[in-house]
Amino acid sequence: LYDEPTTGLDPVTTSVIDRLILRMR
């Protein structure tokens, strides 16, 4: 369960977190 995982992050770091979410899947 991810609660607002990209809040407060810049666009590049947000993309990194998004890729990690997909990697977990």
mmCIF file of all heavy atoms, coordinates in Angstrom:
data_MODEL
# 
_entry.id   MODEL 
# 
loop_
_atom_site.group_PDB 
_atom_site.id 
_atom_site.type_symbol 
_atom_site.label_atom_id 
_atom_site.label_alt_id 
_atom_site.label_comp_id 
_atom_site.label_asym_id 
_atom_site.label_entity_id 
_atom_site.label_seq_id 
_atom_site.pdbx_PDB_ins_code 
_atom_site.Cartn_x 
_atom_site.Cartn_y 
_atom_site.Cartn_z 
_atom_site.occupancy 
_atom_site.B_iso_or_equiv 
_atom_site.pdbx_formal_charge 
_atom_site.auth_seq_id 
_atom_site.auth_comp_id 
_atom_site.auth_asym_id 
_atom_site.auth_atom_id 
_atom_site.pdbx_PDB_model_num 
ATOM 1   N N   . LEU A 1 1  ? 0.851  -1.175 0.000   1.00 0.00 ? 1  LEU A N   1 
ATOM 2   C CA  . LEU A 1 1  ? 0.000  0.000  0.000   1.00 0.00 ? 1  LEU A CA  1 
ATOM 3   C C   . LEU A 1 1  ? 0.894  1.234  0.000   1.00 0.00 ? 1  LEU A C   1 
ATOM 4   O O   . LEU A 1 1  ? 1.757  1.375  0.868   1.00 0.00 ? 1  LEU A O   1 
ATOM 5   C CB  . LEU A 1 1  ? -0.912 0.013  1.235   1.00 0.00 ? 1  LEU A CB  1 
ATOM 6   C CG  . LEU A 1 1  ? -1.738 -1.255 1.498   1.00 0.00 ? 1  LEU A CG  1 
ATOM 7   C CD1 . LEU A 1 1  ? -2.573 -1.066 2.761   1.00 0.00 ? 1  LEU A CD1 1 
ATOM 8   C CD2 . LEU A 1 1  ? -2.628 -1.595 0.305   1.00 0.00 ? 1  LEU A CD2 1 
ATOM 9   N N   . TYR A 1 2  ? 0.695  2.105  -0.962  1.00 0.00 ? 2  TYR A N   1 
ATOM 10  C CA  . TYR A 1 2  ? 1.506  3.312  -1.086  1.00 0.00 ? 2  TYR A CA  1 
ATOM 11  C C   . TYR A 1 2  ? 0.644  4.532  -0.790  1.00 0.00 ? 2  TYR A C   1 
ATOM 12  O O   . TYR A 1 2  ? -0.345 4.783  -1.480  1.00 0.00 ? 2  TYR A O   1 
ATOM 13  C CB  . TYR A 1 2  ? 2.047  3.450  -2.508  1.00 0.00 ? 2  TYR A CB  1 
ATOM 14  C CG  . TYR A 1 2  ? 2.976  2.362  -2.984  1.00 0.00 ? 2  TYR A CG  1 
ATOM 15  C CD1 . TYR A 1 2  ? 2.477  1.213  -3.592  1.00 0.00 ? 2  TYR A CD1 1 
ATOM 16  C CD2 . TYR A 1 2  ? 4.362  2.502  -2.868  1.00 0.00 ? 2  TYR A CD2 1 
ATOM 17  C CE1 . TYR A 1 2  ? 3.331  0.221  -4.075  1.00 0.00 ? 2  TYR A CE1 1 
ATOM 18  C CE2 . TYR A 1 2  ? 5.223  1.515  -3.350  1.00 0.00 ? 2  TYR A CE2 1 
ATOM 19  C CZ  . TYR A 1 2  ? 4.703  0.381  -3.945  1.00 0.00 ? 2  TYR A CZ  1 
ATOM 20  O OH  . TYR A 1 2  ? 5.541  -0.601 -4.423  1.00 0.00 ? 2  TYR A OH  1 
ATOM 21  N N   . ASP A 1 3  ? 1.036  5.304  0.210   1.00 0.00 ? 3  ASP A N   1 
ATOM 22  C CA  . ASP A 1 3  ? 0.301  6.514  0.573   1.00 0.00 ? 3  ASP A CA  1 
ATOM 23  C C   . ASP A 1 3  ? 1.045  7.733  0.016   1.00 0.00 ? 3  ASP A C   1 
ATOM 24  O O   . ASP A 1 3  ? 2.064  8.152  0.565   1.00 0.00 ? 3  ASP A O   1 
ATOM 25  C CB  . ASP A 1 3  ? 0.176  6.615  2.092   1.00 0.00 ? 3  ASP A CB  1 
ATOM 26  C CG  . ASP A 1 3  ? -0.757 7.732  2.522   1.00 0.00 ? 3  ASP A CG  1 
ATOM 27  O OD1 . ASP A 1 3  ? -1.345 8.402  1.648   1.00 0.00 ? 3  ASP A OD1 1 
ATOM 28  O OD2 . ASP A 1 3  ? -0.894 7.959  3.746   1.00 0.00 ? 3  ASP A OD2 1 
ATOM 29  N N   . GLU A 1 4  ? 0.549  8.286  -1.080  1.00 0.00 ? 4  GLU A N   1 
ATOM 30  C CA  . GLU A 1 4  ? 1.139  9.458  -1.727  1.00 0.00 ? 4  GLU A CA  1 
ATOM 31  C C   . GLU A 1 4  ? 2.666  9.306  -1.873  1.00 0.00 ? 4  GLU A C   1 
ATOM 32  O O   . GLU A 1 4  ? 3.445  10.106 -1.330  1.00 0.00 ? 4  GLU A O   1 
ATOM 33  C CB  . GLU A 1 4  ? 0.824  10.728 -0.923  1.00 0.00 ? 4  GLU A CB  1 
ATOM 34  C CG  . GLU A 1 4  ? -0.649 11.031 -0.779  1.00 0.00 ? 4  GLU A CG  1 
ATOM 35  C CD  . GLU A 1 4  ? -1.276 11.653 -2.031  1.00 0.00 ? 4  GLU A CD  1 
ATOM 36  O OE1 . GLU A 1 4  ? -0.576 11.762 -3.050  1.00 0.00 ? 4  GLU A OE1 1 
ATOM 37  O OE2 . GLU A 1 4  ? -2.461 12.006 -1.978  1.00 0.00 ? 4  GLU A OE2 1 
ATOM 38  N N   . PRO A 1 5  ? 3.136  8.301  -2.600  1.00 0.00 ? 5  PRO A N   1 
ATOM 39  C CA  . PRO A 1 5  ? 4.573  7.997  -2.629  1.00 0.00 ? 5  PRO A CA  1 
ATOM 40  C C   . PRO A 1 5  ? 5.449  9.045  -3.303  1.00 0.00 ? 5  PRO A C   1 
ATOM 41  O O   . PRO A 1 5  ? 6.662  9.049  -3.104  1.00 0.00 ? 5  PRO A O   1 
ATOM 42  C CB  . PRO A 1 5  ? 4.629  6.680  -3.402  1.00 0.00 ? 5  PRO A CB  1 
ATOM 43  C CG  . PRO A 1 5  ? 3.402  6.684  -4.254  1.00 0.00 ? 5  PRO A CG  1 
ATOM 44  C CD  . PRO A 1 5  ? 2.355  7.363  -3.424  1.00 0.00 ? 5  PRO A CD  1 
ATOM 45  N N   . THR A 1 6  ? 4.865  9.945  -4.098  1.00 0.00 ? 6  THR A N   1 
ATOM 46  C CA  . THR A 1 6  ? 5.686  10.933 -4.806  1.00 0.00 ? 6  THR A CA  1 
ATOM 47  C C   . THR A 1 6  ? 5.515  12.348 -4.277  1.00 0.00 ? 6  THR A C   1 
ATOM 48  O O   . THR A 1 6  ? 6.054  13.293 -4.845  1.00 0.00 ? 6  THR A O   1 
ATOM 49  C CB  . THR A 1 6  ? 5.367  10.917 -6.317  1.00 0.00 ? 6  THR A CB  1 
ATOM 50  O OG1 . THR A 1 6  ? 3.985  11.240 -6.512  1.00 0.00 ? 6  THR A OG1 1 
ATOM 51  C CG2 . THR A 1 6  ? 5.653  9.546  -6.918  1.00 0.00 ? 6  THR A CG2 1 
ATOM 52  N N   . THR A 1 7  ? 4.799  12.514 -3.174  1.00 0.00 ? 7  THR A N   1 
ATOM 53  C CA  . THR A 1 7  ? 4.596  13.845 -2.611  1.00 0.00 ? 7  THR A CA  1 
ATOM 54  C C   . THR A 1 7  ? 5.930  14.499 -2.247  1.00 0.00 ? 7  THR A C   1 
ATOM 55  O O   . THR A 1 7  ? 6.780  13.885 -1.606  1.00 0.00 ? 7  THR A O   1 
ATOM 56  C CB  . THR A 1 7  ? 3.711  13.768 -1.357  1.00 0.00 ? 7  THR A CB  1 
ATOM 57  O OG1 . THR A 1 7  ? 2.401  13.362 -1.742  1.00 0.00 ? 7  THR A OG1 1 
ATOM 58  C CG2 . THR A 1 7  ? 3.608  15.115 -0.663  1.00 0.00 ? 7  THR A CG2 1 
ATOM 59  N N   . GLY A 1 8  ? 6.105  15.737 -2.663  1.00 0.00 ? 8  GLY A N   1 
ATOM 60  C CA  . GLY A 1 8  ? 7.295  16.496 -2.299  1.00 0.00 ? 8  GLY A CA  1 
ATOM 61  C C   . GLY A 1 8  ? 8.539  16.191 -3.105  1.00 0.00 ? 8  GLY A C   1 
ATOM 62  O O   . GLY A 1 8  ? 9.618  16.689 -2.771  1.00 0.00 ? 8  GLY A O   1 
ATOM 63  N N   . LEU A 1 9  ? 8.417  15.386 -4.147  1.00 0.00 ? 9  LEU A N   1 
ATOM 64  C CA  . LEU A 1 9  ? 9.577  15.008 -4.943  1.00 0.00 ? 9  LEU A CA  1 
ATOM 65  C C   . LEU A 1 9  ? 9.607  15.768 -6.264  1.00 0.00 ? 9  LEU A C   1 
ATOM 66  O O   . LEU A 1 9  ? 8.568  16.094 -6.828  1.00 0.00 ? 9  LEU A O   1 
ATOM 67  C CB  . LEU A 1 9  ? 9.568  13.505 -5.214  1.00 0.00 ? 9  LEU A CB  1 
ATOM 68  C CG  . LEU A 1 9  ? 9.575  12.581 -3.992  1.00 0.00 ? 9  LEU A CG  1 
ATOM 69  C CD1 . LEU A 1 9  ? 9.564  11.130 -4.442  1.00 0.00 ? 9  LEU A CD1 1 
ATOM 70  C CD2 . LEU A 1 9  ? 10.780 12.861 -3.097  1.00 0.00 ? 9  LEU A CD2 1 
ATOM 71  N N   . ASP A 1 10 ? 10.814 16.003 -6.771  1.00 0.00 ? 10 ASP A N   1 
ATOM 72  C CA  . ASP A 1 10 ? 10.953 16.640 -8.070  1.00 0.00 ? 10 ASP A CA  1 
ATOM 73  C C   . ASP A 1 10 ? 10.590 15.630 -9.166  1.00 0.00 ? 10 ASP A C   1 
ATOM 74  O O   . ASP A 1 10 ? 10.497 14.423 -8.907  1.00 0.00 ? 10 ASP A O   1 
ATOM 75  C CB  . ASP A 1 10 ? 12.388 17.152 -8.266  1.00 0.00 ? 10 ASP A CB  1 
ATOM 76  C CG  . ASP A 1 10 ? 13.407 16.033 -8.231  1.00 0.00 ? 10 ASP A CG  1 
ATOM 77  O OD1 . ASP A 1 10 ? 13.536 15.304 -9.245  1.00 0.00 ? 10 ASP A OD1 1 
ATOM 78  O OD2 . ASP A 1 10 ? 14.070 15.871 -7.184  1.00 0.00 ? 10 ASP A OD2 1 
ATOM 79  N N   . PRO A 1 11 ? 10.370 16.097 -10.403 1.00 0.00 ? 11 PRO A N   1 
ATOM 80  C CA  . PRO A 1 11 ? 9.914  15.191 -11.469 1.00 0.00 ? 11 PRO A CA  1 
ATOM 81  C C   . PRO A 1 11 ? 10.838 14.012 -11.738 1.00 0.00 ? 11 PRO A C   1 
ATOM 82  O O   . PRO A 1 11 ? 10.356 12.903 -12.002 1.00 0.00 ? 11 PRO A O   1 
ATOM 83  C CB  . PRO A 1 11 ? 9.829  16.116 -12.690 1.00 0.00 ? 11 PRO A CB  1 
ATOM 84  C CG  . PRO A 1 11 ? 9.573  17.466 -12.128 1.00 0.00 ? 11 PRO A CG  1 
ATOM 85  C CD  . PRO A 1 11 ? 10.356 17.510 -10.841 1.00 0.00 ? 11 PRO A CD  1 
ATOM 86  N N   . VAL A 1 12 ? 12.155 14.222 -11.667 1.00 0.00 ? 12 VAL A N   1 
ATOM 87  C CA  . VAL A 1 12 ? 13.082 13.122 -11.940 1.00 0.00 ? 12 VAL A CA  1 
ATOM 88  C C   . VAL A 1 12 ? 13.003 12.072 -10.838 1.00 0.00 ? 12 VAL A C   1 
ATOM 89  O O   . VAL A 1 12 ? 12.923 10.871 -11.098 1.00 0.00 ? 12 VAL A O   1 
ATOM 90  C CB  . VAL A 1 12 ? 14.528 13.653 -12.091 1.00 0.00 ? 12 VAL A CB  1 
ATOM 91  C CG1 . VAL A 1 12 ? 15.508 12.481 -12.207 1.00 0.00 ? 12 VAL A CG1 1 
ATOM 92  C CG2 . VAL A 1 12 ? 14.641 14.554 -13.310 1.00 0.00 ? 12 VAL A CG2 1 
ATOM 93  N N   . THR A 1 13 ? 13.001 12.518 -9.583  1.00 0.00 ? 13 THR A N   1 
ATOM 94  C CA  . THR A 1 13 ? 12.916 11.579 -8.460  1.00 0.00 ? 13 THR A CA  1 
ATOM 95  C C   . THR A 1 13 ? 11.570 10.870 -8.450  1.00 0.00 ? 13 THR A C   1 
ATOM 96  O O   . THR A 1 13 ? 11.478 9.691  -8.117  1.00 0.00 ? 13 THR A O   1 
ATOM 97  C CB  . THR A 1 13 ? 13.147 12.312 -7.128  1.00 0.00 ? 13 THR A CB  1 
ATOM 98  O OG1 . THR A 1 13 ? 14.376 13.045 -7.195  1.00 0.00 ? 13 THR A OG1 1 
ATOM 99  C CG2 . THR A 1 13 ? 13.236 11.322 -5.976  1.00 0.00 ? 13 THR A CG2 1 
ATOM 100 N N   . THR A 1 14 ? 10.510 11.592 -8.828  1.00 0.00 ? 14 THR A N   1 
ATOM 101 C CA  . THR A 1 14 ? 9.196  10.968 -8.953  1.00 0.00 ? 14 THR A CA  1 
ATOM 102 C C   . THR A 1 14 ? 9.231  9.818  -9.945  1.00 0.00 ? 14 THR A C   1 
ATOM 103 O O   . THR A 1 14 ? 8.675  8.739  -9.698  1.00 0.00 ? 14 THR A O   1 
ATOM 104 C CB  . THR A 1 14 ? 8.155  12.010 -9.393  1.00 0.00 ? 14 THR A CB  1 
ATOM 105 O OG1 . THR A 1 14 ? 7.970  12.962 -8.346  1.00 0.00 ? 14 THR A OG1 1 
ATOM 106 C CG2 . THR A 1 14 ? 6.815  11.350 -9.721  1.00 0.00 ? 14 THR A CG2 1 
ATOM 107 N N   . SER A 1 15 ? 9.901  10.026 -11.073 1.00 0.00 ? 15 SER A N   1 
ATOM 108 C CA  . SER A 1 15 ? 10.019 8.968  -12.079 1.00 0.00 ? 15 SER A CA  1 
ATOM 109 C C   . SER A 1 15 ? 10.768 7.768  -11.524 1.00 0.00 ? 15 SER A C   1 
ATOM 110 O O   . SER A 1 15 ? 10.412 6.617  -11.807 1.00 0.00 ? 15 SER A O   1 
ATOM 111 C CB  . SER A 1 15 ? 10.732 9.516  -13.320 1.00 0.00 ? 15 SER A CB  1 
ATOM 112 O OG  . SER A 1 15 ? 10.841 8.529  -14.314 1.00 0.00 ? 15 SER A OG  1 
ATOM 113 N N   . VAL A 1 16 ? 11.794 8.007  -10.714 1.00 0.00 ? 16 VAL A N   1 
ATOM 114 C CA  . VAL A 1 16 ? 12.551 6.917  -10.087 1.00 0.00 ? 16 VAL A CA  1 
ATOM 115 C C   . VAL A 1 16 ? 11.637 6.093  -9.179  1.00 0.00 ? 16 VAL A C   1 
ATOM 116 O O   . VAL A 1 16 ? 11.649 4.860  -9.216  1.00 0.00 ? 16 VAL A O   1 
ATOM 117 C CB  . VAL A 1 16 ? 13.743 7.476  -9.280  1.00 0.00 ? 16 VAL A CB  1 
ATOM 118 C CG1 . VAL A 1 16 ? 14.374 6.372  -8.427  1.00 0.00 ? 16 VAL A CG1 1 
ATOM 119 C CG2 . VAL A 1 16 ? 14.790 8.072  -10.219 1.00 0.00 ? 16 VAL A CG2 1 
ATOM 120 N N   . ILE A 1 17 ? 10.835 6.775  -8.361  1.00 0.00 ? 17 ILE A N   1 
ATOM 121 C CA  . ILE A 1 17 ? 9.925  6.071  -7.460  1.00 0.00 ? 17 ILE A CA  1 
ATOM 122 C C   . ILE A 1 17 ? 8.894  5.284  -8.254  1.00 0.00 ? 17 ILE A C   1 
ATOM 123 O O   . ILE A 1 17 ? 8.577  4.126  -7.930  1.00 0.00 ? 17 ILE A O   1 
ATOM 124 C CB  . ILE A 1 17 ? 9.228  7.067  -6.506  1.00 0.00 ? 17 ILE A CB  1 
ATOM 125 C CG1 . ILE A 1 17 ? 10.248 7.755  -5.596  1.00 0.00 ? 17 ILE A CG1 1 
ATOM 126 C CG2 . ILE A 1 17 ? 8.170  6.342  -5.668  1.00 0.00 ? 17 ILE A CG2 1 
ATOM 127 C CD1 . ILE A 1 17 ? 11.041 6.812  -4.699  1.00 0.00 ? 17 ILE A CD1 1 
ATOM 128 N N   . ASP A 1 18 ? 8.372  5.861  -9.317  1.00 0.00 ? 18 ASP A N   1 
ATOM 129 C CA  . ASP A 1 18 ? 7.392  5.158  -10.153 1.00 0.00 ? 18 ASP A CA  1 
ATOM 130 C C   . ASP A 1 18 ? 7.990  3.877  -10.744 1.00 0.00 ? 18 ASP A C   1 
ATOM 131 O O   . ASP A 1 18 ? 7.333  2.828  -10.784 1.00 0.00 ? 18 ASP A O   1 
ATOM 132 C CB  . ASP A 1 18 ? 6.904  6.063  -11.280 1.00 0.00 ? 18 ASP A CB  1 
ATOM 133 C CG  . ASP A 1 18 ? 6.014  7.195  -10.782 1.00 0.00 ? 18 ASP A CG  1 
ATOM 134 O OD1 . ASP A 1 18 ? 5.512  7.089  -9.644  1.00 0.00 ? 18 ASP A OD1 1 
ATOM 135 O OD2 . ASP A 1 18 ? 5.828  8.171  -11.529 1.00 0.00 ? 18 ASP A OD2 1 
ATOM 136 N N   . ARG A 1 19 ? 9.223  3.958  -11.184 1.00 0.00 ? 19 ARG A N   1 
ATOM 137 C CA  . ARG A 1 19 ? 9.872  2.769  -11.742 1.00 0.00 ? 19 ARG A CA  1 
ATOM 138 C C   . ARG A 1 19 ? 10.068 1.698  -10.681 1.00 0.00 ? 19 ARG A C   1 
ATOM 139 O O   . ARG A 1 19 ? 9.960  0.500  -10.966 1.00 0.00 ? 19 ARG A O   1 
ATOM 140 C CB  . ARG A 1 19 ? 11.213 3.159  -12.366 1.00 0.00 ? 19 ARG A CB  1 
ATOM 141 C CG  . ARG A 1 19 ? 11.077 3.994  -13.634 1.00 0.00 ? 19 ARG A CG  1 
ATOM 142 C CD  . ARG A 1 19 ? 12.430 4.388  -14.195 1.00 0.00 ? 19 ARG A CD  1 
ATOM 143 N NE  . ARG A 1 19 ? 12.280 5.274  -15.354 1.00 0.00 ? 19 ARG A NE  1 
ATOM 144 C CZ  . ARG A 1 19 ? 13.295 5.764  -16.038 1.00 0.00 ? 19 ARG A CZ  1 
ATOM 145 N NH1 . ARG A 1 19 ? 14.550 5.471  -15.688 1.00 0.00 ? 19 ARG A NH1 1 
ATOM 146 N NH2 . ARG A 1 19 ? 13.084 6.556  -17.073 1.00 0.00 ? 19 ARG A NH2 1 
ATOM 147 N N   . LEU A 1 20 ? 10.347 2.123  -9.451  1.00 0.00 ? 20 LEU A N   1 
ATOM 148 C CA  . LEU A 1 20 ? 10.500 1.150  -8.366  1.00 0.00 ? 20 LEU A CA  1 
ATOM 149 C C   . LEU A 1 20 ? 9.165  0.479  -8.039  1.00 0.00 ? 20 LEU A C   1 
ATOM 150 O O   . LEU A 1 20 ? 9.129  -0.715 -7.728  1.00 0.00 ? 20 LEU A O   1 
ATOM 151 C CB  . LEU A 1 20 ? 11.065 1.825  -7.117  1.00 0.00 ? 20 LEU A CB  1 
ATOM 152 C CG  . LEU A 1 20 ? 12.555 2.181  -7.169  1.00 0.00 ? 20 LEU A CG  1 
ATOM 153 C CD1 . LEU A 1 20 ? 12.948 2.979  -5.929  1.00 0.00 ? 20 LEU A CD1 1 
ATOM 154 C CD2 . LEU A 1 20 ? 13.408 0.924  -7.275  1.00 0.00 ? 20 LEU A CD2 1 
ATOM 155 N N   . ILE A 1 21 ? 8.076  1.227  -8.106  1.00 0.00 ? 21 ILE A N   1 
ATOM 156 C CA  . ILE A 1 21 ? 6.756  0.632  -7.882  1.00 0.00 ? 21 ILE A CA  1 
ATOM 157 C C   . ILE A 1 21 ? 6.504  -0.471 -8.905  1.00 0.00 ? 21 ILE A C   1 
ATOM 158 O O   . ILE A 1 21 ? 6.020  -1.565 -8.570  1.00 0.00 ? 21 ILE A O   1 
ATOM 159 C CB  . ILE A 1 21 ? 5.665  1.717  -7.947  1.00 0.00 ? 21 ILE A CB  1 
ATOM 160 C CG1 . ILE A 1 21 ? 5.784  2.657  -6.741  1.00 0.00 ? 21 ILE A CG1 1 
ATOM 161 C CG2 . ILE A 1 21 ? 4.275  1.079  -7.985  1.00 0.00 ? 21 ILE A CG2 1 
ATOM 162 C CD1 . ILE A 1 21 ? 4.863  3.859  -6.797  1.00 0.00 ? 21 ILE A CD1 1 
ATOM 163 N N   . LEU A 1 22 ? 6.852  -0.202 -10.157 1.00 0.00 ? 22 LEU A N   1 
ATOM 164 C CA  . LEU A 1 22 ? 6.687  -1.210 -11.203 1.00 0.00 ? 22 LEU A CA  1 
ATOM 165 C C   . LEU A 1 22 ? 7.645  -2.381 -11.003 1.00 0.00 ? 22 LEU A C   1 
ATOM 166 O O   . LEU A 1 22 ? 7.293  -3.532 -11.265 1.00 0.00 ? 22 LEU A O   1 
ATOM 167 C CB  . LEU A 1 22 ? 6.904  -0.571 -12.575 1.00 0.00 ? 22 LEU A CB  1 
ATOM 168 C CG  . LEU A 1 22 ? 5.852  0.466  -12.989 1.00 0.00 ? 22 LEU A CG  1 
ATOM 169 C CD1 . LEU A 1 22 ? 6.246  1.129  -14.300 1.00 0.00 ? 22 LEU A CD1 1 
ATOM 170 C CD2 . LEU A 1 22 ? 4.480  -0.170 -13.097 1.00 0.00 ? 22 LEU A CD2 1 
ATOM 171 N N   . ARG A 1 23 ? 8.848  -2.095 -10.508 1.00 0.00 ? 23 ARG A N   1 
ATOM 172 C CA  . ARG A 1 23 ? 9.800  -3.183 -10.241 1.00 0.00 ? 23 ARG A CA  1 
ATOM 173 C C   . ARG A 1 23 ? 9.273  -4.106 -9.156  1.00 0.00 ? 23 ARG A C   1 
ATOM 174 O O   . ARG A 1 23 ? 9.433  -5.329 -9.232  1.00 0.00 ? 23 ARG A O   1 
ATOM 175 C CB  . ARG A 1 23 ? 11.159 -2.618 -9.821  1.00 0.00 ? 23 ARG A CB  1 
ATOM 176 C CG  . ARG A 1 23 ? 12.196 -3.699 -9.549  1.00 0.00 ? 23 ARG A CG  1 
ATOM 177 C CD  . ARG A 1 23 ? 13.476 -3.153 -8.929  1.00 0.00 ? 23 ARG A CD  1 
ATOM 178 N NE  . ARG A 1 23 ? 14.214 -2.314 -9.861  1.00 0.00 ? 23 ARG A NE  1 
ATOM 179 C CZ  . ARG A 1 23 ? 15.372 -1.723 -9.547  1.00 0.00 ? 23 ARG A CZ  1 
ATOM 180 N NH1 . ARG A 1 23 ? 15.883 -1.861 -8.330  1.00 0.00 ? 23 ARG A NH1 1 
ATOM 181 N NH2 . ARG A 1 23 ? 16.004 -0.997 -10.440 1.00 0.00 ? 23 ARG A NH2 1 
ATOM 182 N N   . MET A 1 24 ? 8.643  -3.541 -8.130  1.00 0.00 ? 24 MET A N   1 
ATOM 183 C CA  . MET A 1 24 ? 8.085  -4.373 -7.066  1.00 0.00 ? 24 MET A CA  1 
ATOM 184 C C   . MET A 1 24 ? 7.026  -5.325 -7.625  1.00 0.00 ? 24 MET A C   1 
ATOM 185 O O   . MET A 1 24 ? 6.934  -6.480 -7.227  1.00 0.00 ? 24 MET A O   1 
ATOM 186 C CB  . MET A 1 24 ? 7.476  -3.504 -5.955  1.00 0.00 ? 24 MET A CB  1 
ATOM 187 C CG  . MET A 1 24 ? 8.456  -2.583 -5.236  1.00 0.00 ? 24 MET A CG  1 
ATOM 188 S SD  . MET A 1 24 ? 9.916  -3.412 -4.552  1.00 0.00 ? 24 MET A SD  1 
ATOM 189 C CE  . MET A 1 24 ? 11.196 -2.895 -5.688  1.00 0.00 ? 24 MET A CE  1 
ATOM 190 N N   . ARG A 1 25 ? 6.243  -4.808 -8.559  1.00 0.00 ? 25 ARG A N   1 
ATOM 191 C CA  . ARG A 1 25 ? 5.224  -5.660 -9.187  1.00 0.00 ? 25 ARG A CA  1 
ATOM 192 C C   . ARG A 1 25 ? 5.871  -6.755 -10.024 1.00 0.00 ? 25 ARG A C   1 
ATOM 193 O O   . ARG A 1 25 ? 5.508  -7.936 -9.926  1.00 0.00 ? 25 ARG A O   1 
ATOM 194 C CB  . ARG A 1 25 ? 4.312  -4.808 -10.065 1.00 0.00 ? 25 ARG A CB  1 
ATOM 195 C CG  . ARG A 1 25 ? 3.206  -5.587 -10.786 1.00 0.00 ? 25 ARG A CG  1 
ATOM 196 C CD  . ARG A 1 25 ? 2.613  -4.788 -11.926 1.00 0.00 ? 25 ARG A CD  1 
ATOM 197 N NE  . ARG A 1 25 ? 3.604  -4.575 -12.991 1.00 0.00 ? 25 ARG A NE  1 
ATOM 198 C CZ  . ARG A 1 25 ? 3.414  -3.754 -14.026 1.00 0.00 ? 25 ARG A CZ  1 
ATOM 199 N NH1 . ARG A 1 25 ? 2.298  -3.063 -14.127 1.00 0.00 ? 25 ARG A NH1 1 
ATOM 200 N NH2 . ARG A 1 25 ? 4.354  -3.613 -14.948 1.00 0.00 ? 25 ARG A NH2 1 
# 
